[in-house]
Amino acid sequence: MSVSDPIADMLTRVRNACMARLETVEMPHSRLKGEIARILKREGFIREYAVEGHGGKKILRLYLKYTGEGEPVIQGLQRMSRPSLRRYASAKRIPKILRGLGVVIMSTSQGILTGREAARRGVGGEVICYVW
């Protein structure tokens, strides 16, 4: 089955897995999805991620993180830029999510960065998604 927006598919899989309280979620791997997983791990939203398989059929597995009460650490994911409507932000106009508690994931000329990193480096780019 062909997916027209693989990033939206990734975010939907993570959102659904969190609501179902699953331990892991799997999806087809791409370099962009791997970079988003790297940022989610570094920001503390997931426990770990792994790329499994070889050749053209790699799988990205995310190990989700929950609080002591069993609530998912990821409370929300929102896709901002999509194939039919790209959204960009300059370095001075990068949005803040929940007054800085959430994370903006951006695609910049220097790679996939969080909004804080992009602002610190003085680069803008495409706003991929919000995570809180």
N, C-alpha and C. Protein backbone atom coordinates (compact mmCIF):
# COMPACT_ATOMS: atom_id res chain seq x y z
N MET A 1 0.83 -1.18 0.00
CA MET A 1 0.00 0.00 0.00
C MET A 1 0.88 1.24 0.00
N SER A 2 0.59 2.17 -0.86
CA SER A 2 1.34 3.40 -0.99
C SER A 2 0.78 4.45 -0.03
N VAL A 3 1.68 5.16 0.63
CA VAL A 3 1.29 6.21 1.57
C VAL A 3 1.69 7.55 0.97
N SER A 4 0.75 8.48 0.86
CA SER A 4 1.05 9.76 0.24
C SER A 4 1.83 10.70 1.17
N ASP A 5 1.70 10.52 2.47
CA ASP A 5 2.43 11.34 3.44
C ASP A 5 3.02 10.43 4.52
N PRO A 6 4.25 9.94 4.32
CA PRO A 6 4.84 8.99 5.27
C PRO A 6 5.07 9.55 6.67
N ILE A 7 5.31 10.86 6.79
CA ILE A 7 5.53 11.45 8.12
C ILE A 7 4.21 11.49 8.89
N ALA A 8 3.12 11.85 8.23
CA ALA A 8 1.81 11.82 8.89
C ALA A 8 1.46 10.39 9.30
N ASP A 9 1.83 9.41 8.47
CA ASP A 9 1.60 8.01 8.81
C ASP A 9 2.39 7.63 10.05
N MET A 10 3.65 8.07 10.14
CA MET A 10 4.48 7.79 11.33
C MET A 10 3.85 8.38 12.58
N LEU A 11 3.45 9.64 12.51
CA LEU A 11 2.87 10.31 13.67
C LEU A 11 1.56 9.66 14.10
N THR A 12 0.76 9.23 13.14
CA THR A 12 -0.49 8.55 13.45
C THR A 12 -0.24 7.22 14.12
N ARG A 13 0.76 6.47 13.65
CA ARG A 13 1.09 5.19 14.27
C ARG A 13 1.54 5.38 15.72
N VAL A 14 2.36 6.41 15.96
CA VAL A 14 2.84 6.68 17.32
C VAL A 14 1.67 7.11 18.21
N ARG A 15 0.81 7.99 17.70
CA ARG A 15 -0.36 8.46 18.45
C ARG A 15 -1.27 7.29 18.83
N ASN A 16 -1.56 6.42 17.86
CA ASN A 16 -2.42 5.27 18.12
C ASN A 16 -1.79 4.29 19.10
N ALA A 17 -0.48 4.06 18.99
CA ALA A 17 0.21 3.15 19.90
C ALA A 17 0.20 3.70 21.33
N CYS A 18 0.35 5.01 21.47
CA CYS A 18 0.30 5.62 22.81
C CYS A 18 -1.09 5.48 23.42
N MET A 19 -2.13 5.69 22.61
CA MET A 19 -3.49 5.56 23.14
C MET A 19 -3.81 4.12 23.52
N ALA A 20 -3.21 3.17 22.80
CA ALA A 20 -3.44 1.75 23.11
C ALA A 20 -2.47 1.23 24.16
N ARG A 21 -1.57 2.09 24.66
CA ARG A 21 -0.58 1.74 25.69
C ARG A 21 0.34 0.60 25.23
N LEU A 22 0.74 0.62 23.96
CA LEU A 22 1.64 -0.40 23.44
C LEU A 22 3.07 -0.09 23.84
N GLU A 23 3.87 -1.11 23.95
CA GLU A 23 5.28 -0.96 24.33
C GLU A 23 6.12 -0.47 23.15
N THR A 24 5.84 -0.99 21.94
CA THR A 24 6.60 -0.62 20.75
C THR A 24 5.66 -0.33 19.59
N VAL A 25 6.18 0.36 18.61
CA VAL A 25 5.45 0.61 17.36
C VAL A 25 6.45 0.48 16.21
N GLU A 26 6.03 -0.16 15.12
CA GLU A 26 6.90 -0.37 13.97
C GLU A 26 6.36 0.35 12.75
N MET A 27 7.28 0.75 11.88
CA MET A 27 6.90 1.41 10.63
C MET A 27 8.03 1.24 9.63
N PRO A 28 7.76 1.43 8.34
CA PRO A 28 8.84 1.39 7.36
C PRO A 28 9.85 2.50 7.65
N HIS A 29 11.13 2.19 7.46
CA HIS A 29 12.20 3.13 7.77
C HIS A 29 12.47 4.06 6.59
N SER A 30 12.77 5.30 6.91
CA SER A 30 13.35 6.25 5.96
C SER A 30 14.33 7.11 6.76
N ARG A 31 15.21 7.80 6.07
CA ARG A 31 16.20 8.62 6.77
C ARG A 31 15.52 9.74 7.56
N LEU A 32 14.47 10.35 7.00
CA LEU A 32 13.76 11.42 7.70
C LEU A 32 13.08 10.90 8.96
N LYS A 33 12.43 9.74 8.88
CA LYS A 33 11.79 9.15 10.06
C LYS A 33 12.83 8.80 11.11
N GLY A 34 14.00 8.34 10.69
CA GLY A 34 15.08 8.03 11.63
C GLY A 34 15.56 9.27 12.37
N GLU A 35 15.64 10.40 11.65
CA GLU A 35 16.06 11.65 12.28
C GLU A 35 15.01 12.16 13.26
N ILE A 36 13.74 12.01 12.91
CA ILE A 36 12.67 12.39 13.84
C ILE A 36 12.72 11.53 15.08
N ALA A 37 12.96 10.22 14.92
CA ALA A 37 13.08 9.31 16.07
C ALA A 37 14.27 9.70 16.94
N ARG A 38 15.38 10.11 16.31
CA ARG A 38 16.56 10.54 17.06
C ARG A 38 16.23 11.74 17.94
N ILE A 39 15.49 12.69 17.39
CA ILE A 39 15.10 13.88 18.17
C ILE A 39 14.14 13.50 19.28
N LEU A 40 13.17 12.62 19.00
CA LEU A 40 12.23 12.19 20.04
C LEU A 40 12.97 11.51 21.19
N LYS A 41 13.99 10.72 20.89
CA LYS A 41 14.79 10.05 21.93
C LYS A 41 15.57 11.08 22.74
N ARG A 42 16.25 11.99 22.03
CA ARG A 42 17.08 12.99 22.70
C ARG A 42 16.25 13.92 23.59
N GLU A 43 15.02 14.23 23.18
CA GLU A 43 14.15 15.11 23.96
C GLU A 43 13.38 14.38 25.05
N GLY A 44 13.53 13.04 25.13
CA GLY A 44 12.92 12.28 26.22
C GLY A 44 11.51 11.81 25.98
N PHE A 45 11.03 11.83 24.74
CA PHE A 45 9.67 11.40 24.45
C PHE A 45 9.55 9.89 24.24
N ILE A 46 10.64 9.22 23.84
CA ILE A 46 10.64 7.76 23.68
C ILE A 46 11.84 7.20 24.41
N ARG A 47 11.76 5.89 24.78
CA ARG A 47 12.89 5.26 25.48
C ARG A 47 14.05 4.99 24.54
N GLU A 48 13.74 4.44 23.37
CA GLU A 48 14.78 4.01 22.44
C GLU A 48 14.15 3.86 21.06
N TYR A 49 14.99 3.75 20.06
CA TYR A 49 14.54 3.41 18.71
C TYR A 49 15.59 2.52 18.07
N ALA A 50 15.16 1.70 17.12
CA ALA A 50 16.09 0.79 16.45
C ALA A 50 15.69 0.64 15.00
N VAL A 51 16.70 0.52 14.14
CA VAL A 51 16.48 0.24 12.73
C VAL A 51 16.84 -1.22 12.52
N GLU A 52 15.89 -2.00 12.03
CA GLU A 52 16.10 -3.44 11.86
C GLU A 52 15.90 -3.82 10.41
N GLY A 53 16.56 -4.87 10.01
CA GLY A 53 16.47 -5.34 8.63
C GLY A 53 17.66 -4.88 7.83
N HIS A 54 17.68 -5.25 6.58
CA HIS A 54 18.78 -4.87 5.71
C HIS A 54 18.25 -4.67 4.30
N GLY A 55 19.05 -4.01 3.48
CA GLY A 55 18.62 -3.74 2.11
C GLY A 55 17.55 -2.68 2.08
N GLY A 56 16.58 -2.86 1.18
CA GLY A 56 15.53 -1.86 1.01
C GLY A 56 14.35 -2.03 1.93
N LYS A 57 14.32 -3.08 2.75
CA LYS A 57 13.16 -3.35 3.61
C LYS A 57 13.50 -3.17 5.08
N LYS A 58 13.93 -1.98 5.44
CA LYS A 58 14.26 -1.71 6.84
C LYS A 58 13.01 -1.30 7.60
N ILE A 59 12.99 -1.65 8.89
CA ILE A 59 11.89 -1.32 9.78
C ILE A 59 12.43 -0.41 10.89
N LEU A 60 11.69 0.64 11.20
CA LEU A 60 12.01 1.52 12.32
C LEU A 60 11.10 1.13 13.47
N ARG A 61 11.69 0.76 14.60
CA ARG A 61 10.92 0.38 15.78
C ARG A 61 11.18 1.41 16.88
N LEU A 62 10.08 1.99 17.39
CA LEU A 62 10.16 2.94 18.50
C LEU A 62 9.68 2.27 19.77
N TYR A 63 10.45 2.43 20.84
CA TYR A 63 10.07 1.91 22.16
C TYR A 63 9.50 3.08 22.94
N LEU A 64 8.20 3.05 23.17
CA LEU A 64 7.50 4.18 23.78
C LEU A 64 7.79 4.28 25.28
N LYS A 65 7.63 5.49 25.79
CA LYS A 65 7.94 5.78 27.18
C LYS A 65 6.66 6.20 27.90
N TYR A 66 6.49 5.69 29.13
CA TYR A 66 5.31 6.00 29.94
C TYR A 66 5.74 6.50 31.31
N THR A 67 4.86 7.27 31.95
CA THR A 67 5.14 7.76 33.29
C THR A 67 4.91 6.64 34.30
N GLY A 68 5.17 6.90 35.57
CA GLY A 68 4.94 5.92 36.62
C GLY A 68 3.47 5.53 36.76
N GLU A 69 2.56 6.43 36.40
CA GLU A 69 1.13 6.15 36.47
C GLU A 69 0.61 5.46 35.21
N GLY A 70 1.49 5.19 34.24
CA GLY A 70 1.08 4.52 33.02
C GLY A 70 0.60 5.44 31.92
N GLU A 71 0.75 6.76 32.11
CA GLU A 71 0.36 7.71 31.07
C GLU A 71 1.49 7.86 30.06
N PRO A 72 1.17 7.97 28.77
CA PRO A 72 2.24 8.14 27.78
C PRO A 72 2.93 9.49 27.94
N VAL A 73 4.24 9.51 27.74
CA VAL A 73 4.99 10.76 27.81
C VAL A 73 4.57 11.66 26.66
N ILE A 74 4.32 11.08 25.49
CA ILE A 74 3.84 11.85 24.34
C ILE A 74 2.34 12.10 24.53
N GLN A 75 2.00 13.34 24.83
CA GLN A 75 0.60 13.70 25.02
C GLN A 75 -0.06 14.10 23.72
N GLY A 76 0.73 14.58 22.77
CA GLY A 76 0.16 15.00 21.50
C GLY A 76 1.20 15.13 20.42
N LEU A 77 0.79 14.87 19.18
CA LEU A 77 1.61 15.03 17.98
C LEU A 77 0.75 15.73 16.95
N GLN A 78 1.31 16.72 16.28
CA GLN A 78 0.53 17.40 15.25
C GLN A 78 1.41 17.66 14.05
N ARG A 79 0.99 17.17 12.90
CA ARG A 79 1.70 17.40 11.64
C ARG A 79 1.39 18.81 11.19
N MET A 80 2.39 19.60 10.89
CA MET A 80 2.15 20.98 10.46
C MET A 80 2.29 21.12 8.95
N SER A 81 3.46 20.88 8.42
CA SER A 81 3.68 20.99 6.99
C SER A 81 3.27 19.66 6.35
N ARG A 82 2.55 19.73 5.26
CA ARG A 82 2.14 18.51 4.60
C ARG A 82 2.38 18.67 3.10
N PRO A 83 2.29 17.60 2.32
CA PRO A 83 2.63 17.72 0.90
C PRO A 83 1.80 18.77 0.15
N SER A 84 0.55 18.96 0.52
CA SER A 84 -0.29 19.93 -0.19
C SER A 84 -0.15 21.36 0.34
N LEU A 85 0.43 21.51 1.54
CA LEU A 85 0.57 22.84 2.13
C LEU A 85 1.83 22.87 3.00
N ARG A 86 2.90 23.36 2.43
CA ARG A 86 4.16 23.46 3.17
C ARG A 86 4.12 24.68 4.08
N ARG A 87 4.64 24.52 5.30
CA ARG A 87 4.70 25.63 6.25
C ARG A 87 6.15 25.87 6.64
N TYR A 88 6.56 27.11 6.53
CA TYR A 88 7.93 27.49 6.81
C TYR A 88 7.95 28.54 7.92
N ALA A 89 9.08 28.60 8.63
CA ALA A 89 9.25 29.60 9.68
C ALA A 89 10.68 30.12 9.60
N SER A 90 10.82 31.43 9.71
CA SER A 90 12.16 32.02 9.75
C SER A 90 12.73 31.80 11.15
N ALA A 91 14.00 32.06 11.30
CA ALA A 91 14.66 31.85 12.59
C ALA A 91 14.04 32.70 13.70
N LYS A 92 13.53 33.87 13.33
CA LYS A 92 12.93 34.76 14.33
C LYS A 92 11.48 34.44 14.62
N ARG A 93 10.84 33.62 13.80
CA ARG A 93 9.41 33.33 13.97
C ARG A 93 9.13 31.85 14.20
N ILE A 94 10.06 31.15 14.82
CA ILE A 94 9.83 29.74 15.14
C ILE A 94 8.85 29.66 16.29
N PRO A 95 7.75 28.91 16.13
CA PRO A 95 6.72 28.88 17.18
C PRO A 95 7.20 28.16 18.45
N LYS A 96 6.61 28.53 19.56
CA LYS A 96 6.86 27.83 20.83
C LYS A 96 5.61 27.02 21.15
N ILE A 97 5.80 25.78 21.56
CA ILE A 97 4.69 24.89 21.87
C ILE A 97 4.56 24.80 23.39
N LEU A 98 3.38 25.07 23.91
CA LEU A 98 3.11 25.07 25.35
C LEU A 98 4.15 25.89 26.11
N ARG A 99 4.41 27.08 25.58
CA ARG A 99 5.39 28.01 26.18
C ARG A 99 6.76 27.39 26.39
N GLY A 100 7.17 26.56 25.46
CA GLY A 100 8.51 25.98 25.51
C GLY A 100 8.56 24.56 26.05
N LEU A 101 7.44 24.01 26.53
CA LEU A 101 7.45 22.64 27.05
C LEU A 101 7.39 21.61 25.93
N GLY A 102 6.81 21.97 24.81
CA GLY A 102 6.74 21.07 23.66
C GLY A 102 7.93 21.30 22.75
N VAL A 103 8.00 20.51 21.68
CA VAL A 103 9.12 20.57 20.76
C VAL A 103 8.59 20.78 19.35
N VAL A 104 9.24 21.69 18.62
CA VAL A 104 8.98 21.88 17.20
C VAL A 104 10.09 21.14 16.46
N ILE A 105 9.72 20.27 15.53
CA ILE A 105 10.72 19.57 14.72
C ILE A 105 10.71 20.21 13.34
N MET A 106 11.90 20.63 12.88
CA MET A 106 12.03 21.38 11.64
C MET A 106 13.05 20.74 10.71
N SER A 107 12.82 20.92 9.42
CA SER A 107 13.78 20.52 8.41
C SER A 107 14.47 21.80 7.94
N THR A 108 15.76 21.91 8.20
CA THR A 108 16.51 23.12 7.85
C THR A 108 17.63 22.77 6.88
N SER A 109 18.34 23.79 6.46
CA SER A 109 19.49 23.57 5.59
C SER A 109 20.62 22.85 6.32
N GLN A 110 20.56 22.82 7.65
CA GLN A 110 21.57 22.14 8.46
C GLN A 110 21.07 20.80 8.98
N GLY A 111 19.98 20.28 8.42
CA GLY A 111 19.45 18.98 8.82
C GLY A 111 18.17 19.12 9.61
N ILE A 112 17.73 18.00 10.19
CA ILE A 112 16.51 17.99 11.01
C ILE A 112 16.89 18.48 12.41
N LEU A 113 16.26 19.55 12.86
CA LEU A 113 16.59 20.17 14.14
C LEU A 113 15.31 20.47 14.92
N THR A 114 15.47 20.66 16.22
CA THR A 114 14.36 21.17 17.02
C THR A 114 14.28 22.68 16.80
N GLY A 115 13.16 23.27 17.18
CA GLY A 115 13.00 24.72 17.04
C GLY A 115 14.04 25.49 17.84
N ARG A 116 14.38 24.99 19.03
CA ARG A 116 15.39 25.67 19.86
C ARG A 116 16.76 25.66 19.18
N GLU A 117 17.14 24.49 18.62
CA GLU A 117 18.43 24.40 17.94
C GLU A 117 18.47 25.31 16.72
N ALA A 118 17.39 25.34 15.95
CA ALA A 118 17.33 26.18 14.75
C ALA A 118 17.44 27.65 15.13
N ALA A 119 16.75 28.07 16.18
CA ALA A 119 16.83 29.47 16.63
C ALA A 119 18.24 29.80 17.10
N ARG A 120 18.86 28.89 17.83
CA ARG A 120 20.22 29.10 18.32
C ARG A 120 21.20 29.25 17.16
N ARG A 121 21.01 28.45 16.10
CA ARG A 121 21.90 28.51 14.94
C ARG A 121 21.51 29.62 13.97
N GLY A 122 20.34 30.23 14.17
CA GLY A 122 19.91 31.32 13.31
C GLY A 122 19.41 30.88 11.95
N VAL A 123 18.83 29.66 11.87
CA VAL A 123 18.30 29.17 10.59
C VAL A 123 16.81 28.90 10.73
N GLY A 124 16.10 29.11 9.64
CA GLY A 124 14.69 28.77 9.58
C GLY A 124 14.53 27.53 8.71
N GLY A 125 13.29 27.16 8.46
CA GLY A 125 13.05 26.01 7.60
C GLY A 125 11.62 25.57 7.64
N GLU A 126 11.40 24.36 7.15
CA GLU A 126 10.06 23.79 7.10
C GLU A 126 9.69 23.22 8.46
N VAL A 127 8.52 23.59 8.97
CA VAL A 127 8.03 23.09 10.26
C VAL A 127 7.37 21.74 10.00
N ILE A 128 8.00 20.64 10.43
CA ILE A 128 7.47 19.31 10.16
C ILE A 128 6.31 18.99 11.10
N CYS A 129 6.56 19.09 12.42
CA CYS A 129 5.51 18.72 13.37
C CYS A 129 5.78 19.34 14.74
N TYR A 130 4.74 19.27 15.57
CA TYR A 130 4.82 19.66 16.98
C TYR A 130 4.66 18.41 17.82
N VAL A 131 5.42 18.32 18.92
CA VAL A 131 5.30 17.20 19.86
C VAL A 131 5.21 17.79 21.27
N TRP A 132 4.25 17.31 22.05
CA TRP A 132 4.15 17.74 23.46
C TRP A 132 3.68 16.61 24.32
